[in-house]
Amino acid sequence: MFYTFSQNNSGGSFKRDDHVCEYVIVEADSAKDANTKAEEVGIYFNGCDDGTDCSCCGDRWYEQWNDSDGTELPSIYGTPVTELTAGFFRKQAYVYYKDGRKEAVVFPD
């Protein structure tokens, strides 16, 4: 199953680098496993507590809580990434597969 981590633009900006961007999608066997894999690529879940994120805006990332939130295909809000177009807050996604591959999906305009 694929679990999507949608980034909150805490402090008015997104963190973008070679590992994370607006959306990070992780293939995993469970929500708990997805959280562990997400942390391995640079996602964190305690940004407000440790002062990294803006306390007014909230944490940048939130953990997956339910195994049933996984999808069969890499998706954002139920739509497969291959069907999405770019938007104001959506330029690309990184997909991390269980076999170790990483794919950068750039959404067309």
PDB file of N, CA and C in Angstrom:
ATOM      1  N   MET A   1       0.837  -1.178   0.000  1.00  0.00           N
ATOM      2  CA  MET A   1       0.000   0.000   0.000  1.00  0.00           C
ATOM      3  C   MET A   1       0.891   1.253   0.000  1.00  0.00           C
ATOM      4  N   PHE A   2       0.320   2.333  -0.519  1.00  0.00           N
ATOM      5  CA  PHE A   2       1.029   3.607  -0.573  1.00  0.00           C
ATOM      6  C   PHE A   2       0.376   4.585   0.407  1.00  0.00           C
ATOM      7  N   TYR A   3       1.213   5.263   1.164  1.00  0.00           N
ATOM      8  CA  TYR A   3       0.758   6.233   2.157  1.00  0.00           C
ATOM      9  C   TYR A   3       1.313   7.603   1.773  1.00  0.00           C
ATOM     10  N   THR A   4       0.430   8.593   1.737  1.00  0.00           N
ATOM     11  CA  THR A   4       0.798   9.934   1.282  1.00  0.00           C
ATOM     12  C   THR A   4       0.989  10.869   2.462  1.00  0.00           C
ATOM     13  N   PHE A   5       2.115  11.545   2.470  1.00  0.00           N
ATOM     14  CA  PHE A   5       2.423  12.565   3.464  1.00  0.00           C
ATOM     15  C   PHE A   5       2.332  13.911   2.757  1.00  0.00           C
ATOM     16  N   SER A   6       1.343  14.680   3.132  1.00  0.00           N
ATOM     17  CA  SER A   6       1.097  15.992   2.549  1.00  0.00           C
ATOM     18  C   SER A   6       1.735  17.035   3.454  1.00  0.00           C
ATOM     19  N   GLN A   7       2.590  17.864   2.886  1.00  0.00           N
ATOM     20  CA  GLN A   7       3.339  18.839   3.683  1.00  0.00           C
ATOM     21  C   GLN A   7       2.524  20.103   3.926  1.00  0.00           C
ATOM     22  N   ASN A   8       2.420  20.492   5.176  1.00  0.00           N
ATOM     23  CA  ASN A   8       1.830  21.763   5.562  1.00  0.00           C
ATOM     24  C   ASN A   8       2.911  22.832   5.381  1.00  0.00           C
ATOM     25  N   ASN A   9       2.557  23.951   4.785  1.00  0.00           N
ATOM     26  CA  ASN A   9       3.579  24.993   4.577  1.00  0.00           C
ATOM     27  C   ASN A   9       3.746  25.832   5.845  1.00  0.00           C
ATOM     28  N   SER A  10       4.212  25.182   6.871  1.00  0.00           N
ATOM     29  CA  SER A  10       4.425  25.811   8.166  1.00  0.00           C
ATOM     30  C   SER A  10       5.388  26.986   8.029  1.00  0.00           C
ATOM     31  N   GLY A  11       4.977  28.124   8.550  1.00  0.00           N
ATOM     32  CA  GLY A  11       5.800  29.328   8.447  1.00  0.00           C
ATOM     33  C   GLY A  11       5.728  29.982   7.083  1.00  0.00           C
ATOM     34  N   GLY A  12       4.842  29.499   6.213  1.00  0.00           N
ATOM     35  CA  GLY A  12       4.637  30.107   4.899  1.00  0.00           C
ATOM     36  C   GLY A  12       5.528  29.575   3.796  1.00  0.00           C
ATOM     37  N   SER A  13       6.217  28.471   4.032  1.00  0.00           N
ATOM     38  CA  SER A  13       7.056  27.911   2.977  1.00  0.00           C
ATOM     39  C   SER A  13       7.076  26.389   3.063  1.00  0.00           C
ATOM     40  N   PHE A  14       7.429  25.777   1.955  1.00  0.00           N
ATOM     41  CA  PHE A  14       7.588  24.330   1.903  1.00  0.00           C
ATOM     42  C   PHE A  14       9.057  23.980   1.992  1.00  0.00           C
ATOM     43  N   LYS A  15       9.346  22.836   2.566  1.00  0.00           N
ATOM     44  CA  LYS A  15      10.704  22.303   2.543  1.00  0.00           C
ATOM     45  C   LYS A  15      10.821  21.475   1.275  1.00  0.00           C
ATOM     46  N   ARG A  16      11.792  21.826   0.437  1.00  0.00           N
ATOM     47  CA  ARG A  16      12.041  21.091  -0.811  1.00  0.00           C
ATOM     48  C   ARG A  16      13.533  20.813  -0.915  1.00  0.00           C
ATOM     49  N   ASP A  17      13.861  19.541  -1.101  1.00  0.00           N
ATOM     50  CA  ASP A  17      15.247  19.160  -1.345  1.00  0.00           C
ATOM     51  C   ASP A  17      15.244  17.858  -2.145  1.00  0.00           C
ATOM     52  N   ASP A  18      16.327  17.150  -2.149  1.00  0.00           N
ATOM     53  CA  ASP A  18      16.407  15.911  -2.926  1.00  0.00           C
ATOM     54  C   ASP A  18      15.651  14.751  -2.297  1.00  0.00           C
ATOM     55  N   HIS A  19      15.063  14.967  -1.117  1.00  0.00           N
ATOM     56  CA  HIS A  19      14.389  13.882  -0.405  1.00  0.00           C
ATOM     57  C   HIS A  19      12.909  14.135  -0.158  1.00  0.00           C
ATOM     58  N   VAL A  20      12.547  15.403   0.069  1.00  0.00           N
ATOM     59  CA  VAL A  20      11.153  15.742   0.359  1.00  0.00           C
ATOM     60  C   VAL A  20      10.701  16.932  -0.485  1.00  0.00           C
ATOM     61  N   CYS A  21       9.410  16.984  -0.722  1.00  0.00           N
ATOM     62  CA  CYS A  21       8.776  18.119  -1.404  1.00  0.00           C
ATOM     63  C   CYS A  21       7.348  18.206  -0.881  1.00  0.00           C
ATOM     64  N   GLU A  22       6.450  18.856  -1.603  1.00  0.00           N
ATOM     65  CA  GLU A  22       5.089  19.064  -1.112  1.00  0.00           C
ATOM     66  C   GLU A  22       4.381  17.756  -0.739  1.00  0.00           C
ATOM     67  N   TYR A  23       4.647  16.709  -1.496  1.00  0.00           N
ATOM     68  CA  TYR A  23       4.035  15.399  -1.238  1.00  0.00           C
ATOM     69  C   TYR A  23       5.108  14.324  -1.276  1.00  0.00           C
ATOM     70  N   VAL A  24       5.095  13.486  -0.270  1.00  0.00           N
ATOM     71  CA  VAL A  24       5.972  12.322  -0.228  1.00  0.00           C
ATOM     72  C   VAL A  24       5.073  11.105  -0.060  1.00  0.00           C
ATOM     73  N   ILE A  25       5.241  10.150  -0.944  1.00  0.00           N
ATOM     74  CA  ILE A  25       4.406   8.948  -0.932  1.00  0.00           C
ATOM     75  C   ILE A  25       5.318   7.754  -0.690  1.00  0.00           C
ATOM     76  N   VAL A  26       4.957   6.942   0.296  1.00  0.00           N
ATOM     77  CA  VAL A  26       5.790   5.830   0.729  1.00  0.00           C
ATOM     78  C   VAL A  26       5.026   4.522   0.572  1.00  0.00           C
ATOM     79  N   GLU A  27       5.650   3.560  -0.078  1.00  0.00           N
ATOM     80  CA  GLU A  27       5.063   2.224  -0.146  1.00  0.00           C
ATOM     81  C   GLU A  27       5.488   1.468   1.115  1.00  0.00           C
ATOM     82  N   ALA A  28       4.510   0.929   1.829  1.00  0.00           N
ATOM     83  CA  ALA A  28       4.793   0.252   3.094  1.00  0.00           C
ATOM     84  C   ALA A  28       3.710  -0.776   3.393  1.00  0.00           C
ATOM     85  N   ASP A  29       4.005  -1.642   4.355  1.00  0.00           N
ATOM     86  CA  ASP A  29       3.061  -2.691   4.737  1.00  0.00           C
ATOM     87  C   ASP A  29       2.006  -2.222   5.722  1.00  0.00           C
ATOM     88  N   SER A  30       2.247  -1.093   6.385  1.00  0.00           N
ATOM     89  CA  SER A  30       1.298  -0.567   7.364  1.00  0.00           C
ATOM     90  C   SER A  30       1.553   0.924   7.552  1.00  0.00           C
ATOM     91  N   ALA A  31       0.622   1.590   8.228  1.00  0.00           N
ATOM     92  CA  ALA A  31       0.794   3.016   8.526  1.00  0.00           C
ATOM     93  C   ALA A  31       2.026   3.230   9.396  1.00  0.00           C
ATOM     94  N   LYS A  32       2.217   2.370  10.374  1.00  0.00           N
ATOM     95  CA  LYS A  32       3.384   2.486  11.255  1.00  0.00           C
ATOM     96  C   LYS A  32       4.677   2.334  10.464  1.00  0.00           C
ATOM     97  N   ASP A  33       4.723   1.358   9.570  1.00  0.00           N
ATOM     98  CA  ASP A  33       5.895   1.151   8.721  1.00  0.00           C
ATOM     99  C   ASP A  33       6.123   2.361   7.814  1.00  0.00           C
ATOM    100  N   ALA A  34       5.052   2.939   7.294  1.00  0.00           N
ATOM    101  CA  ALA A  34       5.170   4.130   6.444  1.00  0.00           C
ATOM    102  C   ALA A  34       5.780   5.289   7.219  1.00  0.00           C
ATOM    103  N   ASN A  35       5.382   5.471   8.468  1.00  0.00           N
ATOM    104  CA  ASN A  35       5.948   6.544   9.296  1.00  0.00           C
ATOM    105  C   ASN A  35       7.444   6.356   9.498  1.00  0.00           C
ATOM    106  N   THR A  36       7.850   5.123   9.749  1.00  0.00           N
ATOM    107  CA  THR A  36       9.273   4.835   9.943  1.00  0.00           C
ATOM    108  C   THR A  36      10.057   5.136   8.671  1.00  0.00           C
ATOM    109  N   LYS A  37       9.540   4.683   7.530  1.00  0.00           N
ATOM    110  CA  LYS A  37      10.219   4.927   6.255  1.00  0.00           C
ATOM    111  C   LYS A  37      10.254   6.423   5.937  1.00  0.00           C
ATOM    112  N   ALA A  38       9.176   7.141   6.254  1.00  0.00           N
ATOM    113  CA  ALA A  38       9.130   8.585   6.012  1.00  0.00           C
ATOM    114  C   ALA A  38      10.206   9.301   6.824  1.00  0.00           C
ATOM    115  N   GLU A  39      10.377   8.911   8.067  1.00  0.00           N
ATOM    116  CA  GLU A  39      11.406   9.537   8.893  1.00  0.00           C
ATOM    117  C   GLU A  39      12.804   9.254   8.334  1.00  0.00           C
ATOM    118  N   GLU A  40      12.988   8.101   7.736  1.00  0.00           N
ATOM    119  CA  GLU A  40      14.288   7.756   7.151  1.00  0.00           C
ATOM    120  C   GLU A  40      14.659   8.668   5.977  1.00  0.00           C
ATOM    121  N   VAL A  41      13.653   9.245   5.300  1.00  0.00           N
ATOM    122  CA  VAL A  41      13.952  10.117   4.153  1.00  0.00           C
ATOM    123  C   VAL A  41      13.901  11.602   4.511  1.00  0.00           C
ATOM    124  N   GLY A  42      13.650  11.923   5.792  1.00  0.00           N
ATOM    125  CA  GLY A  42      13.727  13.315   6.206  1.00  0.00           C
ATOM    126  C   GLY A  42      12.438  13.947   6.705  1.00  0.00           C
ATOM    127  N   ILE A  43      11.365  13.186   6.767  1.00  0.00           N
ATOM    128  CA  ILE A  43      10.118  13.706   7.334  1.00  0.00           C
ATOM    129  C   ILE A  43      10.206  13.607   8.856  1.00  0.00           C
ATOM    130  N   TYR A  44       9.656  14.607   9.541  1.00  0.00           N
ATOM    131  CA  TYR A  44       9.633  14.599  11.004  1.00  0.00           C
ATOM    132  C   TYR A  44       8.227  14.961  11.453  1.00  0.00           C
ATOM    133  N   PHE A  45       7.872  14.542  12.663  1.00  0.00           N
ATOM    134  CA  PHE A  45       6.497  14.712  13.133  1.00  0.00           C
ATOM    135  C   PHE A  45       6.385  15.569  14.393  1.00  0.00           C
ATOM    136  N   ASN A  46       7.448  16.204  14.802  1.00  0.00           N
ATOM    137  CA  ASN A  46       7.426  16.964  16.055  1.00  0.00           C
ATOM    138  C   ASN A  46       7.964  18.383  15.867  1.00  0.00           C
ATOM    139  N   GLY A  47       7.701  18.978  14.729  1.00  0.00           N
ATOM    140  CA  GLY A  47       8.283  20.278  14.394  1.00  0.00           C
ATOM    141  C   GLY A  47       7.915  21.406  15.329  1.00  0.00           C
ATOM    142  N   CYS A  48       6.685  21.454  15.780  1.00  0.00           N
ATOM    143  CA  CYS A  48       6.289  22.522  16.711  1.00  0.00           C
ATOM    144  C   CYS A  48       6.929  22.307  18.080  1.00  0.00           C
ATOM    145  N   ASP A  49       6.954  21.058  18.519  1.00  0.00           N
ATOM    146  CA  ASP A  49       7.529  20.755  19.829  1.00  0.00           C
ATOM    147  C   ASP A  49       9.011  21.092  19.892  1.00  0.00           C
ATOM    148  N   ASP A  50       9.740  20.866  18.798  1.00  0.00           N
ATOM    149  CA  ASP A  50      11.186  21.127  18.848  1.00  0.00           C
ATOM    150  C   ASP A  50      11.572  22.501  18.294  1.00  0.00           C
ATOM    151  N   GLY A  51      10.576  23.313  17.914  1.00  0.00           N
ATOM    152  CA  GLY A  51      10.850  24.679  17.460  1.00  0.00           C
ATOM    153  C   GLY A  51      11.231  24.810  15.998  1.00  0.00           C
ATOM    154  N   THR A  52      11.169  23.712  15.235  1.00  0.00           N
ATOM    155  CA  THR A  52      11.494  23.755  13.814  1.00  0.00           C
ATOM    156  C   THR A  52      10.366  24.395  13.011  1.00  0.00           C
ATOM    157  N   ASP A  53       9.125  24.125  13.398  1.00  0.00           N
ATOM    158  CA  ASP A  53       7.957  24.622  12.667  1.00  0.00           C
ATOM    159  C   ASP A  53       7.242  25.721  13.443  1.00  0.00           C
ATOM    160  N   CYS A  54       6.463  26.491  12.733  1.00  0.00           N
ATOM    161  CA  CYS A  54       5.707  27.601  13.302  1.00  0.00           C
ATOM    162  C   CYS A  54       4.548  27.072  14.155  1.00  0.00           C
ATOM    163  N   SER A  55       4.499  27.480  15.412  1.00  0.00           N
ATOM    164  CA  SER A  55       3.439  26.998  16.300  1.00  0.00           C
ATOM    165  C   SER A  55       2.059  27.521  15.883  1.00  0.00           C
ATOM    166  N   CYS A  56       2.010  28.644  15.189  1.00  0.00           N
ATOM    167  CA  CYS A  56       0.715  29.168  14.701  1.00  0.00           C
ATOM    168  C   CYS A  56       0.196  28.345  13.521  1.00  0.00           C
ATOM    169  N   CYS A  57       1.100  27.909  12.661  1.00  0.00           N
ATOM    170  CA  CYS A  57       0.722  27.170  11.445  1.00  0.00           C
ATOM    171  C   CYS A  57       0.579  25.669  11.693  1.00  0.00           C
ATOM    172  N   GLY A  58       1.296  25.177  12.662  1.00  0.00           N
ATOM    173  CA  GLY A  58       1.251  23.759  12.971  1.00  0.00           C
ATOM    174  C   GLY A  58       2.425  22.999  12.398  1.00  0.00           C
ATOM    175  N   ASP A  59       2.457  21.714  12.744  1.00  0.00           N
ATOM    176  CA  ASP A  59       3.540  20.850  12.277  1.00  0.00           C
ATOM    177  C   ASP A  59       3.544  20.755  10.756  1.00  0.00           C
ATOM    178  N   ARG A  60       4.724  20.610  10.205  1.00  0.00           N
ATOM    179  CA  ARG A  60       4.900  20.475   8.753  1.00  0.00           C
ATOM    180  C   ARG A  60       4.366  19.128   8.252  1.00  0.00           C
ATOM    181  N   TRP A  61       4.551  18.076   9.026  1.00  0.00           N
ATOM    182  CA  TRP A  61       4.153  16.720   8.630  1.00  0.00           C
ATOM    183  C   TRP A  61       3.338  16.077   9.746  1.00  0.00           C
ATOM    184  N   TYR A  62       2.430  15.201   9.365  1.00  0.00           N
ATOM    185  CA  TYR A  62       1.640  14.440  10.326  1.00  0.00           C
ATOM    186  C   TYR A  62       1.768  12.957  10.029  1.00  0.00           C
ATOM    187  N   GLU A  63       1.796  12.174  11.093  1.00  0.00           N
ATOM    188  CA  GLU A  63       1.935  10.722  10.969  1.00  0.00           C
ATOM    189  C   GLU A  63       0.701  10.099  10.326  1.00  0.00           C
ATOM    190  N   GLN A  64       0.905   8.942   9.753  1.00  0.00           N
ATOM    191  CA  GLN A  64      -0.195   8.105   9.295  1.00  0.00           C
ATOM    192  C   GLN A  64      -0.705   7.336  10.521  1.00  0.00           C
ATOM    193  N   TRP A  65      -2.025   7.233  10.641  1.00  0.00           N
ATOM    194  CA  TRP A  65      -2.589   6.597  11.827  1.00  0.00           C
ATOM    195  C   TRP A  65      -3.356   5.324  11.521  1.00  0.00           C
ATOM    196  N   ASN A  66      -3.817   5.183  10.289  1.00  0.00           N
ATOM    197  CA  ASN A  66      -4.721   4.093   9.998  1.00  0.00           C
ATOM    198  C   ASN A  66      -4.233   3.300   8.790  1.00  0.00           C
ATOM    199  N   ASP A  67      -4.092   2.008   8.944  1.00  0.00           N
ATOM    200  CA  ASP A  67      -3.664   1.168   7.826  1.00  0.00           C
ATOM    201  C   ASP A  67      -4.597   1.295   6.634  1.00  0.00           C
ATOM    202  N   SER A  68      -5.876   1.558   6.882  1.00  0.00           N
ATOM    203  CA  SER A  68      -6.848   1.645   5.785  1.00  0.00           C
ATOM    204  C   SER A  68      -6.694   2.923   4.959  1.00  0.00           C
ATOM    205  N   ASP A  69      -5.824   3.841   5.381  1.00  0.00           N
ATOM    206  CA  ASP A  69      -5.591   5.066   4.603  1.00  0.00           C
ATOM    207  C   ASP A  69      -4.641   4.839   3.430  1.00  0.00           C
ATOM    208  N   GLY A  70      -4.051   3.657   3.335  1.00  0.00           N
ATOM    209  CA  GLY A  70      -3.170   3.344   2.219  1.00  0.00           C
ATOM    210  C   GLY A  70      -3.966   3.161   0.937  1.00  0.00           C
ATOM    211  N   THR A  71      -3.314   3.392  -0.191  1.00  0.00           N
ATOM    212  CA  THR A  71      -3.951   3.243  -1.496  1.00  0.00           C
ATOM    213  C   THR A  71      -3.163   2.241  -2.339  1.00  0.00           C
ATOM    214  N   GLU A  72      -3.820   1.654  -3.305  1.00  0.00           N
ATOM    215  CA  GLU A  72      -3.178   0.665  -4.168  1.00  0.00           C
ATOM    216  C   GLU A  72      -2.125   1.296  -5.085  1.00  0.00           C
ATOM    217  N   LEU A  73      -2.357   2.535  -5.492  1.00  0.00           N
ATOM    218  CA  LEU A  73      -1.444   3.277  -6.366  1.00  0.00           C
ATOM    219  C   LEU A  73      -0.964   4.528  -5.640  1.00  0.00           C
ATOM    220  N   PRO A  74       0.213   5.056  -5.992  1.00  0.00           N
ATOM    221  CA  PRO A  74       0.628   6.332  -5.423  1.00  0.00           C
ATOM    222  C   PRO A  74      -0.415   7.399  -5.779  1.00  0.00           C
ATOM    223  N   SER A  75      -1.019   7.982  -4.762  1.00  0.00           N
ATOM    224  CA  SER A  75      -2.151   8.894  -4.979  1.00  0.00           C
ATOM    225  C   SER A  75      -2.098  10.079  -4.037  1.00  0.00           C
ATOM    226  N   ILE A  76      -2.770  11.146  -4.449  1.00  0.00           N
ATOM    227  CA  ILE A  76      -2.959  12.323  -3.611  1.00  0.00           C
ATOM    228  C   ILE A  76      -4.451  12.603  -3.570  1.00  0.00           C
ATOM    229  N   TYR A  77      -5.012  12.591  -2.382  1.00  0.00           N
ATOM    230  CA  TYR A  77      -6.451  12.783  -2.180  1.00  0.00           C
ATOM    231  C   TYR A  77      -7.269  11.864  -3.079  1.00  0.00           C
ATOM    232  N   GLY A  78      -6.819  10.612  -3.205  1.00  0.00           N
ATOM    233  CA  GLY A  78      -7.562   9.605  -3.946  1.00  0.00           C
ATOM    234  C   GLY A  78      -7.330   9.576  -5.444  1.00  0.00           C
ATOM    235  N   THR A  79      -6.554  10.500  -5.981  1.00  0.00           N
ATOM    236  CA  THR A  79      -6.278  10.538  -7.417  1.00  0.00           C
ATOM    237  C   THR A  79      -4.856  10.054  -7.667  1.00  0.00           C
ATOM    238  N   PRO A  80      -4.682   9.066  -8.539  1.00  0.00           N
ATOM    239  CA  PRO A  80      -3.325   8.601  -8.841  1.00  0.00           C
ATOM    240  C   PRO A  80      -2.447   9.748  -9.343  1.00  0.00           C
ATOM    241  N   VAL A  81      -1.174   9.760  -8.937  1.00  0.00           N
ATOM    242  CA  VAL A  81      -0.283  10.859  -9.303  1.00  0.00           C
ATOM    243  C   VAL A  81      -0.123  10.987 -10.812  1.00  0.00           C
ATOM    244  N   THR A  82      -0.314   9.904 -11.546  1.00  0.00           N
ATOM    245  CA  THR A  82      -0.183   9.960 -13.011  1.00  0.00           C
ATOM    246  C   THR A  82      -1.311  10.749 -13.666  1.00  0.00           C
ATOM    247  N   GLU A  83      -2.370  11.046 -12.915  1.00  0.00           N
ATOM    248  CA  GLU A  83      -3.523  11.780 -13.457  1.00  0.00           C
ATOM    249  C   GLU A  83      -3.570  13.231 -13.000  1.00  0.00           C
ATOM    250  N   LEU A  84      -2.617  13.667 -12.197  1.00  0.00           N
ATOM    251  CA  LEU A  84      -2.651  15.011 -11.626  1.00  0.00           C
ATOM    252  C   LEU A  84      -1.918  16.023 -12.497  1.00  0.00           C
ATOM    253  N   THR A  85      -2.319  17.271 -12.374  1.00  0.00           N
ATOM    254  CA  THR A  85      -1.618  18.384 -13.017  1.00  0.00           C
ATOM    255  C   THR A  85      -1.096  19.312 -11.925  1.00  0.00           C
ATOM    256  N   ALA A  86      -0.188  20.184 -12.299  1.00  0.00           N
ATOM    257  CA  ALA A  86       0.402  21.119 -11.343  1.00  0.00           C
ATOM    258  C   ALA A  86      -0.647  22.102 -10.853  1.00  0.00           C
ATOM    259  N   GLY A  87      -0.459  22.544  -9.637  1.00  0.00           N
ATOM    260  CA  GLY A  87      -1.315  23.554  -9.045  1.00  0.00           C
ATOM    261  C   GLY A  87      -0.459  24.470  -8.183  1.00  0.00           C
ATOM    262  N   PHE A  88      -1.083  25.438  -7.544  1.00  0.00           N
ATOM    263  CA  PHE A  88      -0.357  26.412  -6.741  1.00  0.00           C
ATOM    264  C   PHE A  88       0.486  25.727  -5.659  1.00  0.00           C
ATOM    265  N   PHE A  89      -0.096  24.740  -4.972  1.00  0.00           N
ATOM    266  CA  PHE A  89       0.614  24.019  -3.924  1.00  0.00           C
ATOM    267  C   PHE A  89       1.010  22.614  -4.357  1.00  0.00           C
ATOM    268  N   ARG A  90       1.017  22.369  -5.647  1.00  0.00           N
ATOM    269  CA  ARG A  90       1.323  21.015  -6.116  1.00  0.00           C
ATOM    270  C   ARG A  90       2.171  21.087  -7.374  1.00  0.00           C
ATOM    271  N   LYS A  91       3.458  20.888  -7.209  1.00  0.00           N
ATOM    272  CA  LYS A  91       4.377  20.901  -8.344  1.00  0.00           C
ATOM    273  C   LYS A  91       4.909  19.499  -8.640  1.00  0.00           C
ATOM    274  N   GLN A  92       5.164  18.727  -7.576  1.00  0.00           N
ATOM    275  CA  GLN A  92       5.737  17.399  -7.753  1.00  0.00           C
ATOM    276  C   GLN A  92       5.499  16.559  -6.509  1.00  0.00           C
ATOM    277  N   ALA A  93       5.845  15.287  -6.622  1.00  0.00           N
ATOM    278  CA  ALA A  93       5.806  14.359  -5.487  1.00  0.00           C
ATOM    279  C   ALA A  93       6.990  13.423  -5.601  1.00  0.00           C
ATOM    280  N   TYR A  94       7.483  12.977  -4.476  1.00  0.00           N
ATOM    281  CA  TYR A  94       8.477  11.907  -4.448  1.00  0.00           C
ATOM    282  C   TYR A  94       7.762  10.643  -4.013  1.00  0.00           C
ATOM    283  N   VAL A  95       8.003   9.564  -4.753  1.00  0.00           N
ATOM    284  CA  VAL A  95       7.422   8.270  -4.408  1.00  0.00           C
ATOM    285  C   VAL A  95       8.573   7.342  -4.040  1.00  0.00           C
ATOM    286  N   TYR A  96       8.491   6.789  -2.841  1.00  0.00           N
ATOM    287  CA  TYR A  96       9.491   5.836  -2.359  1.00  0.00           C
ATOM    288  C   TYR A  96       8.870   4.446  -2.360  1.00  0.00           C
ATOM    289  N   TYR A  97       9.506   3.533  -3.083  1.00  0.00           N
ATOM    290  CA  TYR A  97       9.015   2.162  -3.207  1.00  0.00           C
ATOM    291  C   TYR A  97       9.712   1.246  -2.213  1.00  0.00           C
ATOM    292  N   LYS A  98       9.050   0.154  -1.867  1.00  0.00           N
ATOM    293  CA  LYS A  98       9.624  -0.800  -0.915  1.00  0.00           C
ATOM    294  C   LYS A  98      10.937  -1.397  -1.404  1.00  0.00           C
ATOM    295  N   ASP A  99      11.119  -1.477  -2.715  1.00  0.00           N
ATOM    296  CA  ASP A  99      12.355  -2.070  -3.235  1.00  0.00           C
ATOM    297  C   ASP A  99      13.533  -1.091  -3.237  1.00  0.00           C
ATOM    298  N   GLY A 100      13.331   0.119  -2.684  1.00  0.00           N
ATOM    299  CA  GLY A 100      14.411   1.093  -2.574  1.00  0.00           C
ATOM    300  C   GLY A 100      14.431   2.161  -3.648  1.00  0.00           C
ATOM    301  N   ARG A 101      13.619   2.003  -4.691  1.00  0.00           N
ATOM    302  CA  ARG A 101      13.575   3.021  -5.746  1.00  0.00           C
ATOM    303  C   ARG A 101      12.906   4.286  -5.232  1.00  0.00           C
ATOM    304  N   LYS A 102      13.338   5.412  -5.809  1.00  0.00           N
ATOM    305  CA  LYS A 102      12.673   6.706  -5.550  1.00  0.00           C
ATOM    306  C   LYS A 102      12.325   7.284  -6.919  1.00  0.00           C
ATOM    307  N   GLU A 103      11.111   7.775  -7.049  1.00  0.00           N
ATOM    308  CA  GLU A 103      10.670   8.382  -8.295  1.00  0.00           C
ATOM    309  C   GLU A 103      10.198   9.804  -8.013  1.00  0.00           C
ATOM    310  N   ALA A 104      10.705  10.752  -8.785  1.00  0.00           N
ATOM    311  CA  ALA A 104      10.214  12.125  -8.720  1.00  0.00           C
ATOM    312  C   ALA A 104       9.137  12.275  -9.783  1.00  0.00           C
ATOM    313  N   VAL A 105       7.928  12.577  -9.359  1.00  0.00           N
ATOM    314  CA  VAL A 105       6.818  12.766 -10.284  1.00  0.00           C
ATOM    315  C   VAL A 105       6.577  14.271 -10.388  1.00  0.00           C
ATOM    316  N   VAL A 106       6.865  14.831 -11.562  1.00  0.00           N
ATOM    317  CA  VAL A 106       6.644  16.265 -11.791  1.00  0.00           C
ATOM    318  C   VAL A 106       5.311  16.404 -12.521  1.00  0.00           C
ATOM    319  N   PHE A 107       4.415  17.178 -11.948  1.00  0.00           N
ATOM    320  CA  PHE A 107       3.076  17.321 -12.510  1.00  0.00           C
ATOM    321  C   PHE A 107       3.087  18.306 -13.685  1.00  0.00           C
ATOM    322  N   PRO A 108       2.490  17.929 -14.795  1.00  0.00           N
ATOM    323  CA  PRO A 108       2.460  18.843 -15.945  1.00  0.00           C
ATOM    324  C   PRO A 108       1.511  20.017 -15.678  1.00  0.00           C
ATOM    325  N   ASP A 109       1.792  21.143 -16.345  1.00  0.00           N
ATOM    326  CA  ASP A 109       0.921  22.327 -16.213  1.00  0.00           C
ATOM    327  C   ASP A 109      -0.400  22.116 -16.910  1.00  0.00           C
TER     328      ASP A 109
END
